[in-house]
PDB file of N, CA and C in Angstrom:
ATOM      1  N   MET A   1     161.280 209.567-103.210  1.00  0.00           N
ATOM      2  CA  MET A   1     162.329 209.794-104.170  1.00  0.00           C
ATOM      3  C   MET A   1     161.877 210.929-105.076  1.00  0.00           C
ATOM      4  N   TYR A   2     162.798 211.803-105.418  1.00  0.00           N
ATOM      5  CA  TYR A   2     162.505 212.955-106.257  1.00  0.00           C
ATOM      6  C   TYR A   2     163.635 213.103-107.259  1.00  0.00           C
ATOM      7  N   ALA A   3     163.301 213.155-108.536  1.00  0.00           N
ATOM      8  CA  ALA A   3     164.300 213.357-109.579  1.00  0.00           C
ATOM      9  C   ALA A   3     163.834 214.508-110.454  1.00  0.00           C
ATOM     10  N   LYS A   4     164.773 215.301-110.952  1.00  0.00           N
ATOM     11  CA  LYS A   4     164.421 216.481-111.724  1.00  0.00           C
ATOM     12  C   LYS A   4     165.023 216.378-113.118  1.00  0.00           C
ATOM     13  N   GLY A   5     164.242 216.712-114.117  1.00  0.00           N
ATOM     14  CA  GLY A   5     164.700 216.708-115.492  1.00  0.00           C
ATOM     15  C   GLY A   5     163.598 217.217-116.397  1.00  0.00           C
ATOM     16  N   LYS A   6     163.946 217.714-117.566  1.00  0.00           N
ATOM     17  CA  LYS A   6     162.949 218.291-118.457  1.00  0.00           C
ATOM     18  C   LYS A   6     162.300 217.248-119.357  1.00  0.00           C
ATOM     19  N   LYS A   7     163.045 216.224-119.743  1.00  0.00           N
ATOM     20  CA  LYS A   7     162.535 215.205-120.646  1.00  0.00           C
ATOM     21  C   LYS A   7     162.812 213.841-120.044  1.00  0.00           C
ATOM     22  N   LYS A   8     162.439 212.831-120.820  1.00  0.00           N
ATOM     23  CA  LYS A   8     162.691 211.467-120.376  1.00  0.00           C
ATOM     24  C   LYS A   8     164.165 211.324-120.019  1.00  0.00           C
ATOM     25  N   GLY A   9     164.415 210.735-118.857  1.00  0.00           N
ATOM     26  CA  GLY A   9     165.788 210.574-118.426  1.00  0.00           C
ATOM     27  C   GLY A   9     165.952 209.378-117.520  1.00  0.00           C
ATOM     28  N   SER A  10     167.187 209.060-117.260  1.00  0.00           N
ATOM     29  CA  SER A  10     167.525 207.902-116.445  1.00  0.00           C
ATOM     30  C   SER A  10     167.419 208.252-114.961  1.00  0.00           C
ATOM     31  N   VAL A  11     166.634 207.468-114.228  1.00  0.00           N
ATOM     32  CA  VAL A  11     166.481 207.644-112.788  1.00  0.00           C
ATOM     33  C   VAL A  11     167.112 206.439-112.113  1.00  0.00           C
ATOM     34  N   ARG A  12     168.001 206.691-111.164  1.00  0.00           N
ATOM     35  CA  ARG A  12     168.712 205.613-110.472  1.00  0.00           C
ATOM     36  C   ARG A  12     167.984 205.261-109.184  1.00  0.00           C
ATOM     37  N   PHE A  13     167.683 203.981-109.041  1.00  0.00           N
ATOM     38  CA  PHE A  13     167.081 203.443-107.828  1.00  0.00           C
ATOM     39  C   PHE A  13     168.142 202.616-107.128  1.00  0.00           C
ATOM     40  N   SER A  14     168.233 202.724-105.802  1.00  0.00           N
ATOM     41  CA  SER A  14     169.217 201.928-105.062  1.00  0.00           C
ATOM     42  C   SER A  14     168.678 201.596-103.679  1.00  0.00           C
ATOM     43  N   ILE A  15     169.223 200.523-103.136  1.00  0.00           N
ATOM     44  CA  ILE A  15     168.864 200.096-101.789  1.00  0.00           C
ATOM     45  C   ILE A  15     170.131 199.573-101.130  1.00  0.00           C
ATOM     46  N   SER A  16     170.311 199.889 -99.864  1.00  0.00           N
ATOM     47  CA  SER A  16     171.557 199.552 -99.170  1.00  0.00           C
ATOM     48  C   SER A  16     171.663 198.068 -98.852  1.00  0.00           C
ATOM     49  N   ALA A  17     172.888 197.636 -98.669  1.00  0.00           N
ATOM     50  CA  ALA A  17     173.162 196.239 -98.338  1.00  0.00           C
ATOM     51  C   ALA A  17     172.617 195.875 -96.974  1.00  0.00           C
ATOM     52  N   GLY A  18     172.322 196.868 -96.155  1.00  0.00           N
ATOM     53  CA  GLY A  18     171.794 196.613 -94.823  1.00  0.00           C
ATOM     54  C   GLY A  18     170.482 195.854 -94.839  1.00  0.00           C
ATOM     55  N   GLN A  19     169.849 195.766 -95.985  1.00  0.00           N
ATOM     56  CA  GLN A  19     168.603 195.015 -96.104  1.00  0.00           C
ATOM     57  C   GLN A  19     168.863 193.510 -96.179  1.00  0.00           C
ATOM     58  N   GLY A  20     170.132 193.092 -96.341  1.00  0.00           N
ATOM     59  CA  GLY A  20     170.517 191.689 -96.260  1.00  0.00           C
ATOM     60  C   GLY A  20     170.137 190.809 -97.425  1.00  0.00           C
ATOM     61  N   GLY A  21     169.818 191.344 -98.576  1.00  0.00           N
ATOM     62  CA  GLY A  21     169.383 190.520 -99.696  1.00  0.00           C
ATOM     63  C   GLY A  21     170.508 190.005-100.568  1.00  0.00           C
ATOM     64  N   LYS A  22     170.281 188.822-101.131  1.00  0.00           N
ATOM     65  CA  LYS A  22     171.214 188.263-102.108  1.00  0.00           C
ATOM     66  C   LYS A  22     170.697 188.498-103.516  1.00  0.00           C
ATOM     67  N   LYS A  23     169.364 188.465-103.669  1.00  0.00           N
ATOM     68  CA  LYS A  23     168.723 188.688-104.956  1.00  0.00           C
ATOM     69  C   LYS A  23     167.750 189.850-104.783  1.00  0.00           C
ATOM     70  N   VAL A  24     168.017 190.960-105.484  1.00  0.00           N
ATOM     71  CA  VAL A  24     167.220 192.175-105.315  1.00  0.00           C
ATOM     72  C   VAL A  24     166.718 192.644-106.681  1.00  0.00           C
ATOM     73  N   ALA A  25     165.451 193.058-106.724  1.00  0.00           N
ATOM     74  CA  ALA A  25     164.844 193.544-107.963  1.00  0.00           C
ATOM     75  C   ALA A  25     164.003 194.780-107.662  1.00  0.00           C
ATOM     76  N   LEU A  26     163.639 195.485-108.723  1.00  0.00           N
ATOM     77  CA  LEU A  26     162.793 196.673-108.649  1.00  0.00           C
ATOM     78  C   LEU A  26     161.555 196.419-109.503  1.00  0.00           C
ATOM     79  N   ALA A  27     160.388 196.752-108.982  1.00  0.00           N
ATOM     80  CA  ALA A  27     159.146 196.651-109.755  1.00  0.00           C
ATOM     81  C   ALA A  27     158.318 197.896-109.488  1.00  0.00           C
ATOM     82  N   GLY A  28     157.607 198.348-110.515  1.00  0.00           N
ATOM     83  CA  GLY A  28     156.790 199.533-110.325  1.00  0.00           C
ATOM     84  C   GLY A  28     155.818 199.752-111.462  1.00  0.00           C
ATOM     85  N   ALA A  29     155.061 200.823-111.335  1.00  0.00           N
ATOM     86  CA  ALA A  29     154.084 201.175-112.358  1.00  0.00           C
ATOM     87  C   ALA A  29     154.763 201.419-113.705  1.00  0.00           C
ATOM     88  N   PHE A  30     156.021 201.807-113.704  1.00  0.00           N
ATOM     89  CA  PHE A  30     156.769 202.125-114.918  1.00  0.00           C
ATOM     90  C   PHE A  30     157.186 200.889-115.703  1.00  0.00           C
ATOM     91  N   ASN A  31     157.142 199.693-115.106  1.00  0.00           N
ATOM     92  CA  ASN A  31     157.518 198.473-115.833  1.00  0.00           C
ATOM     93  C   ASN A  31     156.451 197.379-115.699  1.00  0.00           C
ATOM     94  N   GLY A  32     155.209 197.797-115.440  1.00  0.00           N
ATOM     95  CA  GLY A  32     154.115 196.841-115.330  1.00  0.00           C
ATOM     96  C   GLY A  32     154.237 195.924-114.131  1.00  0.00           C
ATOM     97  N   TRP A  33     154.972 196.371-113.120  1.00  0.00           N
ATOM     98  CA  TRP A  33     155.213 195.607-111.886  1.00  0.00           C
ATOM     99  C   TRP A  33     155.958 194.294-112.150  1.00  0.00           C
ATOM    100  N   ALA A  34     156.700 194.245-113.262  1.00  0.00           N
ATOM    101  CA  ALA A  34     157.533 193.077-113.565  1.00  0.00           C
ATOM    102  C   ALA A  34     158.904 193.299-112.928  1.00  0.00           C
ATOM    103  N   PRO A  35     159.334 192.433-112.019  1.00  0.00           N
ATOM    104  CA  PRO A  35     160.621 192.630-111.346  1.00  0.00           C
ATOM    105  C   PRO A  35     161.790 192.770-112.327  1.00  0.00           C
ATOM    106  N   GLN A  36     162.579 193.821-112.129  1.00  0.00           N
ATOM    107  CA  GLN A  36     163.785 194.090-112.919  1.00  0.00           C
ATOM    108  C   GLN A  36     164.976 193.884-111.998  1.00  0.00           C
ATOM    109  N   ALA A  37     165.869 192.974-112.364  1.00  0.00           N
ATOM    110  CA  ALA A  37     167.029 192.666-111.525  1.00  0.00           C
ATOM    111  C   ALA A  37     167.881 193.908-111.302  1.00  0.00           C
ATOM    112  N   MET A  38     168.409 194.025-110.093  1.00  0.00           N
ATOM    113  CA  MET A  38     169.302 195.126-109.741  1.00  0.00           C
ATOM    114  C   MET A  38     170.711 194.556-109.579  1.00  0.00           C
ATOM    115  N   ARG A  39     171.713 195.341-109.909  1.00  0.00           N
ATOM    116  CA  ARG A  39     173.108 194.887-109.810  1.00  0.00           C
ATOM    117  C   ARG A  39     173.715 195.252-108.471  1.00  0.00           C
ATOM    118  N   LYS A  40     174.469 194.309-107.937  1.00  0.00           N
ATOM    119  CA  LYS A  40     175.172 194.559-106.681  1.00  0.00           C
ATOM    120  C   LYS A  40     176.341 195.503-106.953  1.00  0.00           C
ATOM    121  N   GLN A  41     176.473 196.528-106.122  1.00  0.00           N
ATOM    122  CA  GLN A  41     177.527 197.530-106.254  1.00  0.00           C
ATOM    123  C   GLN A  41     178.720 197.167-105.366  1.00  0.00           C
ATOM    124  N   LYS A  42     179.832 197.844-105.581  1.00  0.00           N
ATOM    125  CA  LYS A  42     181.045 197.581-104.794  1.00  0.00           C
ATOM    126  C   LYS A  42     180.831 197.773-103.300  1.00  0.00           C
ATOM    127  N   ASP A  43     179.947 198.702-102.938  1.00  0.00           N
ATOM    128  CA  ASP A  43     179.698 198.963-101.515  1.00  0.00           C
ATOM    129  C   ASP A  43     178.680 197.995-100.908  1.00  0.00           C
ATOM    130  N   GLY A  44     178.193 197.039-101.714  1.00  0.00           N
ATOM    131  CA  GLY A  44     177.243 196.056-101.219  1.00  0.00           C
ATOM    132  C   GLY A  44     175.791 196.427-101.457  1.00  0.00           C
ATOM    133  N   SER A  45     175.532 197.661-101.891  1.00  0.00           N
ATOM    134  CA  SER A  45     174.157 198.065-102.198  1.00  0.00           C
ATOM    135  C   SER A  45     173.764 197.482-103.560  1.00  0.00           C
ATOM    136  N   PHE A  46     172.500 197.625-103.908  1.00  0.00           N
ATOM    137  CA  PHE A  46     172.001 197.189-105.207  1.00  0.00           C
ATOM    138  C   PHE A  46     171.436 198.405-105.916  1.00  0.00           C
ATOM    139  N   ALA A  47     171.613 198.474-107.253  1.00  0.00           N
ATOM    140  CA  ALA A  47     171.139 199.639-107.999  1.00  0.00           C
ATOM    141  C   ALA A  47     170.755 199.258-109.424  1.00  0.00           C
ATOM    142  N   CYS A  48     169.880 200.063-110.004  1.00  0.00           N
ATOM    143  CA  CYS A  48     169.551 199.975-111.420  1.00  0.00           C
ATOM    144  C   CYS A  48     169.004 201.332-111.848  1.00  0.00           C
ATOM    145  N   SER A  49     169.005 201.570-113.145  1.00  0.00           N
ATOM    146  CA  SER A  49     168.480 202.821-113.687  1.00  0.00           C
ATOM    147  C   SER A  49     167.303 202.519-114.602  1.00  0.00           C
ATOM    148  N   VAL A  50     166.330 203.410-114.589  1.00  0.00           N
ATOM    149  CA  VAL A  50     165.127 203.270-115.404  1.00  0.00           C
ATOM    150  C   VAL A  50     164.884 204.593-116.117  1.00  0.00           C
ATOM    151  N   ASP A  51     164.597 204.542-117.425  1.00  0.00           N
ATOM    152  CA  ASP A  51     164.259 205.752-118.174  1.00  0.00           C
ATOM    153  C   ASP A  51     162.807 206.101-117.893  1.00  0.00           C
ATOM    154  N   LEU A  52     162.576 207.289-117.356  1.00  0.00           N
ATOM    155  CA  LEU A  52     161.230 207.709-116.978  1.00  0.00           C
ATOM    156  C   LEU A  52     160.903 209.095-117.515  1.00  0.00           C
ATOM    157  N   GLU A  53     159.682 209.243-117.978  1.00  0.00           N
ATOM    158  CA  GLU A  53     159.138 210.551-118.344  1.00  0.00           C
ATOM    159  C   GLU A  53     158.786 211.272-117.046  1.00  0.00           C
ATOM    160  N   PRO A  54     158.663 212.597-117.068  1.00  0.00           N
ATOM    161  CA  PRO A  54     158.188 213.293-115.874  1.00  0.00           C
ATOM    162  C   PRO A  54     156.823 212.740-115.447  1.00  0.00           C
ATOM    163  N   GLY A  55     156.656 212.573-114.152  1.00  0.00           N
ATOM    164  CA  GLY A  55     155.412 212.037-113.616  1.00  0.00           C
ATOM    165  C   GLY A  55     155.630 211.460-112.233  1.00  0.00           C
ATOM    166  N   THR A  56     154.605 210.812-111.703  1.00  0.00           N
ATOM    167  CA  THR A  56     154.662 210.185-110.388  1.00  0.00           C
ATOM    168  C   THR A  56     154.493 208.688-110.575  1.00  0.00           C
ATOM    169  N   TYR A  57     155.369 207.918-109.948  1.00  0.00           N
ATOM    170  CA  TYR A  57     155.397 206.465-110.134  1.00  0.00           C
ATOM    171  C   TYR A  57     155.465 205.749-108.792  1.00  0.00           C
ATOM    172  N   GLU A  58     154.665 204.698-108.646  1.00  0.00           N
ATOM    173  CA  GLU A  58     154.745 203.849-107.463  1.00  0.00           C
ATOM    174  C   GLU A  58     155.689 202.690-107.770  1.00  0.00           C
ATOM    175  N   TYR A  59     156.412 202.240-106.738  1.00  0.00           N
ATOM    176  CA  TYR A  59     157.373 201.149-106.919  1.00  0.00           C
ATOM    177  C   TYR A  59     157.639 200.448-105.599  1.00  0.00           C
ATOM    178  N   LYS A  60     158.266 199.279-105.707  1.00  0.00           N
ATOM    179  CA  LYS A  60     158.734 198.526-104.541  1.00  0.00           C
ATOM    180  C   LYS A  60     159.998 197.778-104.925  1.00  0.00           C
ATOM    181  N   PHE A  61     160.771 197.413-103.915  1.00  0.00           N
ATOM    182  CA  PHE A  61     161.907 196.526-104.100  1.00  0.00           C
ATOM    183  C   PHE A  61     161.471 195.113-103.733  1.00  0.00           C
ATOM    184  N   ILE A  62     162.069 194.125-104.382  1.00  0.00           N
ATOM    185  CA  ILE A  62     161.830 192.725-104.030  1.00  0.00           C
ATOM    186  C   ILE A  62     163.170 192.168-103.571  1.00  0.00           C
ATOM    187  N   ILE A  63     163.252 191.836-102.288  1.00  0.00           N
ATOM    188  CA  ILE A  63     164.493 191.334-101.697  1.00  0.00           C
ATOM    189  C   ILE A  63     164.279 189.875-101.333  1.00  0.00           C
ATOM    190  N   ASP A  64     164.972 188.997-102.041  1.00  0.00           N
ATOM    191  CA  ASP A  64     164.834 187.550-101.819  1.00  0.00           C
ATOM    192  C   ASP A  64     163.367 187.132-101.754  1.00  0.00           C
ATOM    193  N   GLY A  65     162.559 187.657-102.684  1.00  0.00           N
ATOM    194  CA  GLY A  65     161.156 187.282-102.783  1.00  0.00           C
ATOM    195  C   GLY A  65     160.195 188.098-101.937  1.00  0.00           C
ATOM    196  N   GLN A  66     160.700 188.954-101.059  1.00  0.00           N
ATOM    197  CA  GLN A  66     159.859 189.787-100.189  1.00  0.00           C
ATOM    198  C   GLN A  66     159.718 191.188-100.784  1.00  0.00           C
ATOM    199  N   TRP A  67     158.480 191.636-100.972  1.00  0.00           N
ATOM    200  CA  TRP A  67     158.220 192.973-101.499  1.00  0.00           C
ATOM    201  C   TRP A  67     158.305 193.979-100.358  1.00  0.00           C
ATOM    202  N   VAL A  68     159.162 194.998-100.512  1.00  0.00           N
ATOM    203  CA  VAL A  68     159.368 195.989 -99.454  1.00  0.00           C
ATOM    204  C   VAL A  68     159.371 197.404-100.033  1.00  0.00           C
ATOM    205  N   VAL A  69     158.972 198.370 -99.207  1.00  0.00           N
ATOM    206  CA  VAL A  69     159.045 199.774 -99.612  1.00  0.00           C
ATOM    207  C   VAL A  69     160.495 200.246 -99.516  1.00  0.00           C
ATOM    208  N   ASP A  70     160.770 201.343-100.170  1.00  0.00           N
ATOM    209  CA  ASP A  70     162.095 201.958-100.145  1.00  0.00           C
ATOM    210  C   ASP A  70     162.339 202.536 -98.750  1.00  0.00           C
ATOM    211  N   PRO A  71     163.345 202.041 -98.027  1.00  0.00           N
ATOM    212  CA  PRO A  71     163.594 202.548 -96.678  1.00  0.00           C
ATOM    213  C   PRO A  71     164.178 203.960 -96.659  1.00  0.00           C
ATOM    214  N   ASP A  72     164.588 204.459 -97.824  1.00  0.00           N
ATOM    215  CA  ASP A  72     165.216 205.777 -97.884  1.00  0.00           C
ATOM    216  C   ASP A  72     164.261 206.889 -98.311  1.00  0.00           C
ATOM    217  N   THR A  73     162.971 206.605 -98.353  1.00  0.00           N
ATOM    218  CA  THR A  73     161.994 207.647 -98.680  1.00  0.00           C
ATOM    219  C   THR A  73     160.805 207.549 -97.734  1.00  0.00           C
ATOM    220  N   ASN A  74     160.140 208.658 -97.553  1.00  0.00           N
ATOM    221  CA  ASN A  74     158.915 208.632 -96.749  1.00  0.00           C
ATOM    222  C   ASN A  74     157.708 208.994 -97.611  1.00  0.00           C
ATOM    223  N   ALA A  75     157.878 208.911 -98.931  1.00  0.00           N
ATOM    224  CA  ALA A  75     156.777 209.155 -99.862  1.00  0.00           C
ATOM    225  C   ALA A  75     156.160 207.807-100.221  1.00  0.00           C
ATOM    226  N   TRP A  76     154.956 207.556 -99.684  1.00  0.00           N
ATOM    227  CA  TRP A  76     154.277 206.283 -99.907  1.00  0.00           C
ATOM    228  C   TRP A  76     152.846 206.519-100.331  1.00  0.00           C
ATOM    229  N   ALA A  77     152.271 205.508-100.975  1.00  0.00           N
ATOM    230  CA  ALA A  77     150.856 205.533-101.350  1.00  0.00           C
ATOM    231  C   ALA A  77     150.252 204.175-101.004  1.00  0.00           C
ATOM    232  N   MET A  78     149.031 204.185-100.490  1.00  0.00           N
ATOM    233  CA  MET A  78     148.323 202.945-100.179  1.00  0.00           C
ATOM    234  C   MET A  78     148.002 202.226-101.493  1.00  0.00           C
ATOM    235  N   ASN A  79     148.219 200.910-101.527  1.00  0.00           N
ATOM    236  CA  ASN A  79     147.882 200.153-102.731  1.00  0.00           C
ATOM    237  C   ASN A  79     146.590 199.362-102.535  1.00  0.00           C
ATOM    238  N   ALA A  80     146.157 198.662-103.560  1.00  0.00           N
ATOM    239  CA  ALA A  80     144.889 197.917-103.538  1.00  0.00           C
ATOM    240  C   ALA A  80     144.913 196.728-102.584  1.00  0.00           C
ATOM    241  N   TYR A  81     146.096 196.357-102.097  1.00  0.00           N
ATOM    242  CA  TYR A  81     146.231 195.197-101.207  1.00  0.00           C
ATOM    243  C   TYR A  81     146.287 195.592 -99.734  1.00  0.00           C
ATOM    244  N   GLY A  82     146.110 196.885 -99.460  1.00  0.00           N
ATOM    245  CA  GLY A  82     146.112 197.350 -98.080  1.00  0.00           C
ATOM    246  C   GLY A  82     147.487 197.598 -97.501  1.00  0.00           C
ATOM    247  N   SER A  83     148.514 197.547 -98.336  1.00  0.00           N
ATOM    248  CA  SER A  83     149.868 197.884 -97.883  1.00  0.00           C
ATOM    249  C   SER A  83     150.313 199.130 -98.651  1.00  0.00           C
ATOM    250  N   PHE A  84     151.572 199.481 -98.536  1.00  0.00           N
ATOM    251  CA  PHE A  84     152.062 200.708 -99.151  1.00  0.00           C
ATOM    252  C   PHE A  84     153.052 200.432-100.270  1.00  0.00           C
ATOM    253  N   ASN A  85     153.103 201.353-101.230  1.00  0.00           N
ATOM    254  CA  ASN A  85     154.125 201.397-102.266  1.00  0.00           C
ATOM    255  C   ASN A  85     154.925 202.673-102.060  1.00  0.00           C
ATOM    256  N   SER A  86     156.186 202.634-102.420  1.00  0.00           N
ATOM    257  CA  SER A  86     156.998 203.847-102.423  1.00  0.00           C
ATOM    258  C   SER A  86     156.585 204.684-103.630  1.00  0.00           C
ATOM    259  N   VAL A  87     156.846 205.983-103.564  1.00  0.00           N
ATOM    260  CA  VAL A  87     156.473 206.888-104.647  1.00  0.00           C
ATOM    261  C   VAL A  87     157.706 207.655-105.108  1.00  0.00           C
ATOM    262  N   ALA A  88     157.940 207.645-106.425  1.00  0.00           N
ATOM    263  CA  ALA A  88     159.007 208.438-107.038  1.00  0.00           C
ATOM    264  C   ALA A  88     158.349 209.527-107.871  1.00  0.00           C
ATOM    265  N   ARG A  89     158.822 210.747-107.698  1.00  0.00           N
ATOM    266  CA  ARG A  89     158.306 211.876-108.473  1.00  0.00           C
ATOM    267  C   ARG A  89     159.417 212.384-109.379  1.00  0.00           C
ATOM    268  N   VAL A  90     159.154 212.411-110.674  1.00  0.00           N
ATOM    269  CA  VAL A  90     160.132 212.863-111.665  1.00  0.00           C
ATOM    270  C   VAL A  90     159.591 214.131-112.301  1.00  0.00           C
ATOM    271  N   GLU A  91     160.384 215.206-112.248  1.00  0.00           N
ATOM    272  CA  GLU A  91     159.977 216.480-112.869  1.00  0.00           C
ATOM    273  C   GLU A  91     160.941 216.867-113.954  1.00  0.00           C
TER     274      GLU A  91
END
């Protein structure tokens, strides 16, 4: 994920309904890895916005209790548990 802006701004995270979740949240380095609930959209996807300063942030989605990487990005980083986190870059 890549977002561009000069100062702190709202970055929208979303995941498609094709992931089959009823309860979806976002967690990342920007919120202390505390799951933040995402709202279901009219098209069935889930989305939320987070105010972020420019920088690089690792994150994951939690779908019905399962932690998953963002299927719409190929920017990942290995985490301390031997799996991957998605990476968002904000400029």
